[in-house]
Structure formats: structure tokens, C-alpha cells
Amino acid sequence: MKFIVAVDCEGVACGVGSPNGSLNDSRNLEFAKLQATREADAAARGLFAAGAEQVIIWDNHNGSLNLHYDLLDERCDIALGVGFAHRFPGLDSSFSGIAFIGYHAMDNTLDANMCHTFSSTSYQHMKINGRQTGEMGIDAHFAGACGVPAIFAASDDKGIAEAEAFFPGIETVKTKDALGWNAAISKHPKRVVEEIYAGIQRAVARLGDFSPFQFDEPLALEIRYKRIEAAQAASRGLKAGERTDPYSVRWQLEKLADYF
């Protein structure tokens, strides 16, 4: 059995944003990076305890250079940096599942901690085939294209609700109750680590219950931008889409990978 643990930073225990900016502007950033490392390590240790032969930790927050790599289980492999050939580095059909650690809810989610889709400053939302989606849905699609299911997610209560809506039956651990962009009642971070270690082993025991997730292709991708000039730029040039209103652009794609 082989697994990839995809790691973001906003959804971890005791992670919140700055009052007027993203996690990257927050005094909480360094703790969030350390806690993301601890939670990723717990997932990896749980996967190895359940019989995994390989675990790749994919560091994918903001330039993909965040985790304390020397604190991860030494049996792990680590994907880091940018410029990979496709969205999910190392993934192919030989893997048994993917797990989301530290992921967050999509744009426009009421009172979610730091909700966004790829950029809180650039986009209002993304829709695929008319359905608003976030990073979990998009990344699970790329895994699903390889026949690999999403089996586990750890996030705030809003992120967990999103994961369960897209992937019914997924095993989850709630890290905190989000009460706003910069507000949460969090579980103690050490308790979350213990829960992730146990929860991901429950997921492996249920591998037969999970199905790969994919949006129907060919597909329509719509992005609503926060600034008019960004929408204008996206409607012109080599990858130009159709401008549907001053802030929105739509692409008709054979595969989602044609955009990402």
C-alpha cells in the first residue's frame, strides 16, 4: 500500500489568520507550520502502522517550503518546492489513497478560518461544471483521474463539512470549530495529533469503502476574480477564457489538467 499525505497549513489545530490578511501575514504562521508538521507526521506514522509501504508527504502551502522536514517520520518521502509536471507530484495509479492534512474550506464559506481557493487575494470563487469547489475537490479530482480515492481529511468544522459533501463516508478528524477568519475554538494541538494517528488507521481499515472522486470531463471551469483587471488578463492571451461578466471568466476544457 502506498499513500500521499497532502499538507496545507490553514486547517491545523490552533491555526488562525491575521485580522486583515492571510495566514502568511499572521503571527500564527510559524506555529501553524510546526503544527502542520506534527499532524502530517501523525498521519504518516498511522499509515505505516496500518501497513503502508510508502508514504509521500506533499508540502503544498504557499511555495511548498513550510514543514520541519527533520521532524517527519524518517520512513517518509517528501515532495516540496514548485514546478512539478502536474498538480499532484508523485501520484500514479499504484497508490491506495490520499489524505488531506491542514486543508481549509473554499471561498465564501461562512465563518471558516481563512477560507479561500488557492489565493485569498485573487479569486472570489471557482466553479467546475457549475459547482463551486475548493482545493480538496480539485486535488481529489487529480487523484481520482489516477483511480485513487481521498480517504481522510483533518480540518476545521467547515472544512470537514465540505470534505463530507464531496466525498461521502470519508474518515475525518475535526481540528477546531471555526468562528471566523481569525477566530476558533481549537482542540489542544497534541490531542489532534493523537486523533489523526488513530483516525487514519481507521481509514486504511476501510479502504474498500472509498471511491475515487472526479468531475465529469470535458468540463467547464469558471473563475470569478476579485479585480476586474485580473479577469481581463485571464480572458486574453494563450490560455484565454470567455469573459462572462466583468469579474468572471469561463474555460471549456477537455481535462482539468489543461488549466492546472
Protein backbone atom coordinates (compact mmCIF):
# COMPACT_ATOMS: atom_id res chain seq x y z
CA MET A 1 0.00 0.00 0.00
CA LYS A 2 1.19 3.49 -0.90
CA PHE A 3 -0.28 6.84 0.14
CA ILE A 4 0.23 10.57 -0.35
CA VAL A 5 -0.48 12.98 2.50
CA ALA A 6 -1.23 16.42 1.07
CA VAL A 7 -0.40 19.12 3.63
CA ASP A 8 -1.67 22.71 3.82
CA CYS A 9 -1.40 24.94 6.88
CA GLU A 10 -4.65 26.84 7.46
CA GLY A 11 -6.72 23.94 8.77
CA VAL A 12 -4.41 22.77 11.56
CA ALA A 13 -5.18 22.95 15.27
CA CYS A 14 -4.71 26.46 16.74
CA GLY A 15 -4.24 27.99 13.29
CA VAL A 16 -5.97 31.32 12.54
CA GLY A 17 -5.29 34.23 10.22
CA SER A 18 -4.33 37.82 10.81
CA PRO A 19 -7.18 40.32 11.20
CA ASN A 20 -6.52 41.92 7.82
CA GLY A 21 -4.58 39.31 5.88
CA SER A 22 -3.81 35.67 5.24
CA LEU A 23 -2.01 33.12 7.38
CA ASN A 24 1.21 34.27 5.77
CA ASP A 25 0.66 37.72 7.33
CA SER A 26 -0.16 36.31 10.75
CA ARG A 27 1.97 35.97 13.86
CA ASN A 28 0.45 32.49 13.96
CA LEU A 29 2.31 31.35 10.82
CA GLU A 30 5.35 29.72 12.44
CA PHE A 31 3.21 27.77 14.89
CA ALA A 32 0.90 26.67 12.05
CA LYS A 33 3.89 25.35 10.09
CA LEU A 34 5.11 23.40 13.10
CA GLN A 35 1.65 22.02 13.82
CA ALA A 36 1.21 21.05 10.17
CA THR A 37 4.45 19.09 10.52
CA ARG A 38 3.18 17.34 13.64
CA GLU A 39 -0.16 16.49 12.03
CA ALA A 40 1.48 15.24 8.83
CA ASP A 41 3.87 13.13 10.89
CA ALA A 42 0.94 11.64 12.82
CA ALA A 43 -0.77 10.73 9.55
CA ALA A 44 2.40 9.13 8.20
CA ARG A 45 3.03 7.16 11.39
CA GLY A 46 -0.57 5.96 11.34
CA LEU A 47 -0.27 4.86 7.73
CA PHE A 48 2.94 2.94 8.40
CA ALA A 49 1.33 1.34 11.46
CA ALA A 50 -1.53 0.22 9.20
CA GLY A 51 0.88 -1.45 6.77
CA ALA A 52 1.88 1.25 4.27
CA GLU A 53 4.97 0.51 2.21
CA GLN A 54 5.46 4.11 1.08
CA VAL A 55 4.16 7.48 2.29
CA ILE A 56 4.87 10.70 0.41
CA ILE A 57 4.31 13.92 2.35
CA TRP A 58 3.41 16.70 -0.11
CA ASP A 59 4.16 20.15 1.35
CA ASN A 60 1.87 22.40 -0.71
CA HIS A 61 1.24 25.65 1.19
CA ASN A 62 2.50 28.92 -0.35
CA GLY A 63 5.55 27.91 -2.32
CA SER A 64 5.74 24.46 -0.74
CA LEU A 65 8.60 25.14 1.68
CA ASN A 66 6.91 25.08 5.07
CA LEU A 67 7.36 21.91 7.09
CA HIS A 68 10.09 20.99 9.56
CA TYR A 69 11.25 18.06 7.45
CA ASP A 70 13.61 16.62 10.04
CA LEU A 71 10.65 16.18 12.42
CA LEU A 72 8.77 13.93 10.00
CA ASP A 73 8.93 10.15 10.34
CA GLU A 74 12.16 9.17 8.64
CA ARG A 75 10.40 6.48 6.60
CA CYS A 76 8.58 9.23 4.65
CA ASP A 77 9.43 10.61 1.25
CA ILE A 78 8.82 14.35 0.87
CA ALA A 79 7.57 16.36 -2.14
CA LEU A 80 8.46 20.03 -1.81
CA GLY A 81 9.03 23.09 -3.96
CA VAL A 82 7.26 24.16 -7.16
CA GLY A 83 7.47 23.43 -10.89
CA PHE A 84 6.23 19.83 -10.91
CA ALA A 85 4.88 18.45 -14.18
CA HIS A 86 1.37 18.07 -12.74
CA ARG A 87 -0.68 19.10 -9.73
CA PHE A 88 -0.14 16.01 -7.52
CA PRO A 89 3.60 15.17 -7.51
CA GLY A 90 4.50 11.50 -7.35
CA LEU A 91 0.94 10.26 -7.73
CA ASP A 92 0.04 7.42 -10.07
CA SER A 93 -2.41 4.53 -10.17
CA SER A 94 -0.26 2.38 -7.88
CA PHE A 95 -1.31 4.41 -4.83
CA SER A 96 -4.08 3.27 -2.50
CA GLY A 97 -5.31 6.65 -1.23
CA ILE A 98 -4.65 10.28 -0.45
CA ALA A 99 -5.14 12.18 2.80
CA PHE A 100 -5.68 15.88 3.43
CA ILE A 101 -3.96 17.49 6.42
CA GLY A 102 -4.39 21.17 7.24
CA TYR A 103 -6.69 21.88 4.30
CA HIS A 104 -9.36 24.57 4.64
CA ALA A 105 -12.81 25.38 3.35
CA MET A 106 -13.45 27.00 -0.04
CA ASP A 107 -14.17 30.68 -0.66
CA ASN A 108 -17.43 32.12 0.62
CA THR A 109 -17.77 29.62 3.49
CA LEU A 110 -19.38 31.43 6.40
CA ASP A 111 -17.07 31.83 9.43
CA ALA A 112 -14.46 29.35 8.19
CA ASN A 113 -10.85 30.02 9.17
CA MET A 114 -9.01 31.58 6.22
CA CYS A 115 -11.34 30.08 3.61
CA HIS A 116 -10.14 30.51 0.02
CA THR A 117 -9.34 28.57 -3.12
CA PHE A 118 -5.62 28.83 -3.95
CA SER A 119 -5.48 32.58 -3.31
CA SER A 120 -7.46 34.69 -0.83
CA THR A 121 -6.36 37.85 -2.65
CA SER A 122 -7.02 36.83 -6.27
CA TYR A 123 -10.22 34.80 -6.51
CA GLN A 124 -13.79 35.10 -5.28
CA HIS A 125 -14.58 31.52 -6.22
CA MET A 126 -14.01 28.67 -8.65
CA LYS A 127 -16.75 26.53 -10.16
CA ILE A 128 -16.42 23.30 -12.10
CA ASN A 129 -19.45 22.26 -14.14
CA GLY A 130 -21.44 24.85 -12.21
CA ARG A 131 -20.50 23.53 -8.75
CA GLN A 132 -18.37 25.72 -6.51
CA THR A 133 -15.30 23.82 -5.40
CA GLY A 134 -12.21 24.31 -3.29
CA GLU A 135 -8.77 22.84 -3.09
CA MET A 136 -9.87 19.50 -1.68
CA GLY A 137 -12.25 18.90 -4.58
CA ILE A 138 -9.68 19.91 -7.20
CA ASP A 139 -6.87 17.84 -5.68
CA ALA A 140 -9.15 14.84 -5.19
CA HIS A 141 -10.11 15.09 -8.86
CA PHE A 142 -6.46 14.72 -9.90
CA ALA A 143 -6.13 11.68 -7.63
CA GLY A 144 -9.40 10.31 -8.97
CA ALA A 145 -8.10 10.60 -12.52
CA CYS A 146 -5.49 8.02 -11.45
CA GLY A 147 -8.15 5.88 -9.79
CA VAL A 148 -7.00 6.89 -6.29
CA PRO A 149 -9.59 7.87 -3.63
CA ALA A 150 -9.48 10.52 -0.91
CA ILE A 151 -9.72 8.55 2.34
CA PHE A 152 -9.04 11.04 5.15
CA ALA A 153 -9.27 14.75 5.98
CA ALA A 154 -8.31 16.80 9.04
CA SER A 155 -9.57 20.38 9.09
CA ASP A 156 -11.83 22.81 10.92
CA ASP A 157 -15.54 22.00 11.16
CA LYS A 158 -16.32 23.88 7.94
CA GLY A 159 -13.57 22.10 6.01
CA ILE A 160 -14.79 18.75 7.34
CA ALA A 161 -18.35 19.52 6.21
CA GLU A 162 -17.02 20.31 2.74
CA ALA A 163 -14.99 17.09 2.58
CA GLU A 164 -18.01 15.04 3.62
CA ALA A 165 -20.18 16.75 0.99
CA PHE A 166 -17.72 15.94 -1.82
CA PHE A 167 -16.54 12.53 -0.57
CA PRO A 168 -19.35 10.83 1.39
CA GLY A 169 -18.02 8.42 4.01
CA ILE A 170 -14.52 9.91 4.17
CA GLU A 171 -12.79 9.44 7.53
CA THR A 172 -12.24 12.78 9.27
CA VAL A 173 -10.76 14.50 12.32
CA LYS A 174 -12.01 17.94 13.34
CA THR A 175 -9.13 20.14 14.49
CA LYS A 176 -11.18 23.16 15.65
CA ASP A 177 -14.51 24.93 15.47
CA ALA A 178 -14.02 27.94 13.21
CA LEU A 179 -15.86 31.08 14.32
CA GLY A 180 -14.44 33.48 11.72
CA TRP A 181 -11.38 34.26 9.62
CA ASN A 182 -9.28 34.92 12.71
CA ALA A 183 -11.29 33.11 15.39
CA ALA A 184 -11.58 29.49 16.52
CA ILE A 185 -12.08 27.25 19.48
CA SER A 186 -9.41 24.65 18.83
CA LYS A 187 -8.74 21.25 20.26
CA HIS A 188 -5.39 21.08 22.00
CA PRO A 189 -2.81 20.50 19.24
CA LYS A 190 -1.36 17.41 20.93
CA ARG A 191 -4.82 15.86 21.17
CA VAL A 192 -5.36 16.44 17.47
CA VAL A 193 -2.09 14.66 16.69
CA GLU A 194 -3.30 11.62 18.62
CA GLU A 195 -6.68 11.68 16.87
CA ILE A 196 -5.11 11.88 13.41
CA TYR A 197 -2.82 8.94 14.19
CA ALA A 198 -5.84 6.81 15.14
CA GLY A 199 -8.23 8.19 12.52
CA ILE A 200 -6.05 7.50 9.52
CA GLN A 201 -5.64 3.89 10.63
CA ARG A 202 -9.43 3.61 10.68
CA ALA A 203 -9.42 4.94 7.12
CA VAL A 204 -6.93 2.31 5.93
CA ALA A 205 -9.05 -0.41 7.53
CA ARG A 206 -11.95 0.85 5.38
CA LEU A 207 -10.13 1.19 2.06
CA GLY A 208 -12.79 -0.81 0.29
CA ASP A 209 -15.42 1.78 1.24
CA PHE A 210 -13.89 4.64 -0.75
CA SER A 211 -14.36 5.53 -4.40
CA PRO A 212 -12.23 7.87 -6.50
CA PHE A 213 -13.73 11.33 -6.98
CA GLN A 214 -13.76 13.06 -10.35
CA PHE A 215 -15.61 15.87 -12.05
CA ASP A 216 -17.12 14.87 -15.38
CA GLU A 217 -14.79 15.69 -18.28
CA PRO A 218 -14.83 17.54 -20.66
CA LEU A 219 -15.70 20.28 -18.21
CA ALA A 220 -16.42 23.95 -17.68
CA LEU A 221 -14.15 25.86 -15.30
CA GLU A 222 -15.32 29.28 -14.13
CA ILE A 223 -13.18 31.63 -12.04
CA ARG A 224 -14.57 34.79 -10.51
CA TYR A 225 -11.75 37.24 -9.78
CA LYS A 226 -11.60 39.91 -7.12
CA ARG A 227 -10.25 42.53 -9.53
CA ILE A 228 -11.54 43.49 -12.96
CA GLU A 229 -8.08 43.77 -14.48
CA ALA A 230 -7.28 40.18 -13.42
CA ALA A 231 -10.39 38.92 -15.20
CA GLN A 232 -9.45 40.96 -18.25
CA ALA A 233 -5.97 39.42 -18.32
CA ALA A 234 -7.40 35.91 -17.97
CA SER A 235 -9.67 36.50 -20.98
CA ARG A 236 -6.72 37.38 -23.23
CA GLY A 237 -3.52 35.61 -24.23
CA LEU A 238 -2.59 31.98 -24.86
CA LYS A 239 -4.92 30.41 -22.26
CA ALA A 240 -7.72 32.92 -22.72
CA GLY A 241 -11.17 32.06 -21.45
CA GLU A 242 -14.55 33.59 -22.21
CA ARG A 243 -15.36 36.75 -20.24
CA THR A 244 -18.88 36.15 -18.87
CA ASP A 245 -19.11 39.33 -16.76
CA PRO A 246 -16.60 41.99 -15.66
CA TYR A 247 -15.17 39.73 -12.93
CA SER A 248 -15.70 36.21 -14.32
CA VAL A 249 -14.00 34.03 -16.94
CA ARG A 250 -15.04 30.57 -18.17
CA TRP A 251 -12.96 27.90 -19.92
CA GLN A 252 -14.24 24.81 -21.75
CA LEU A 253 -11.60 22.14 -21.11
CA GLU A 254 -11.07 18.58 -22.24
CA LYS A 255 -9.33 17.89 -18.92
CA LEU A 256 -8.87 19.93 -15.75
CA ALA A 257 -5.14 19.32 -16.15
CA ASP A 258 -5.26 21.54 -19.23
CA TYR A 259 -5.66 24.51 -16.86
CA PHE A 260 -3.64 23.47 -13.81
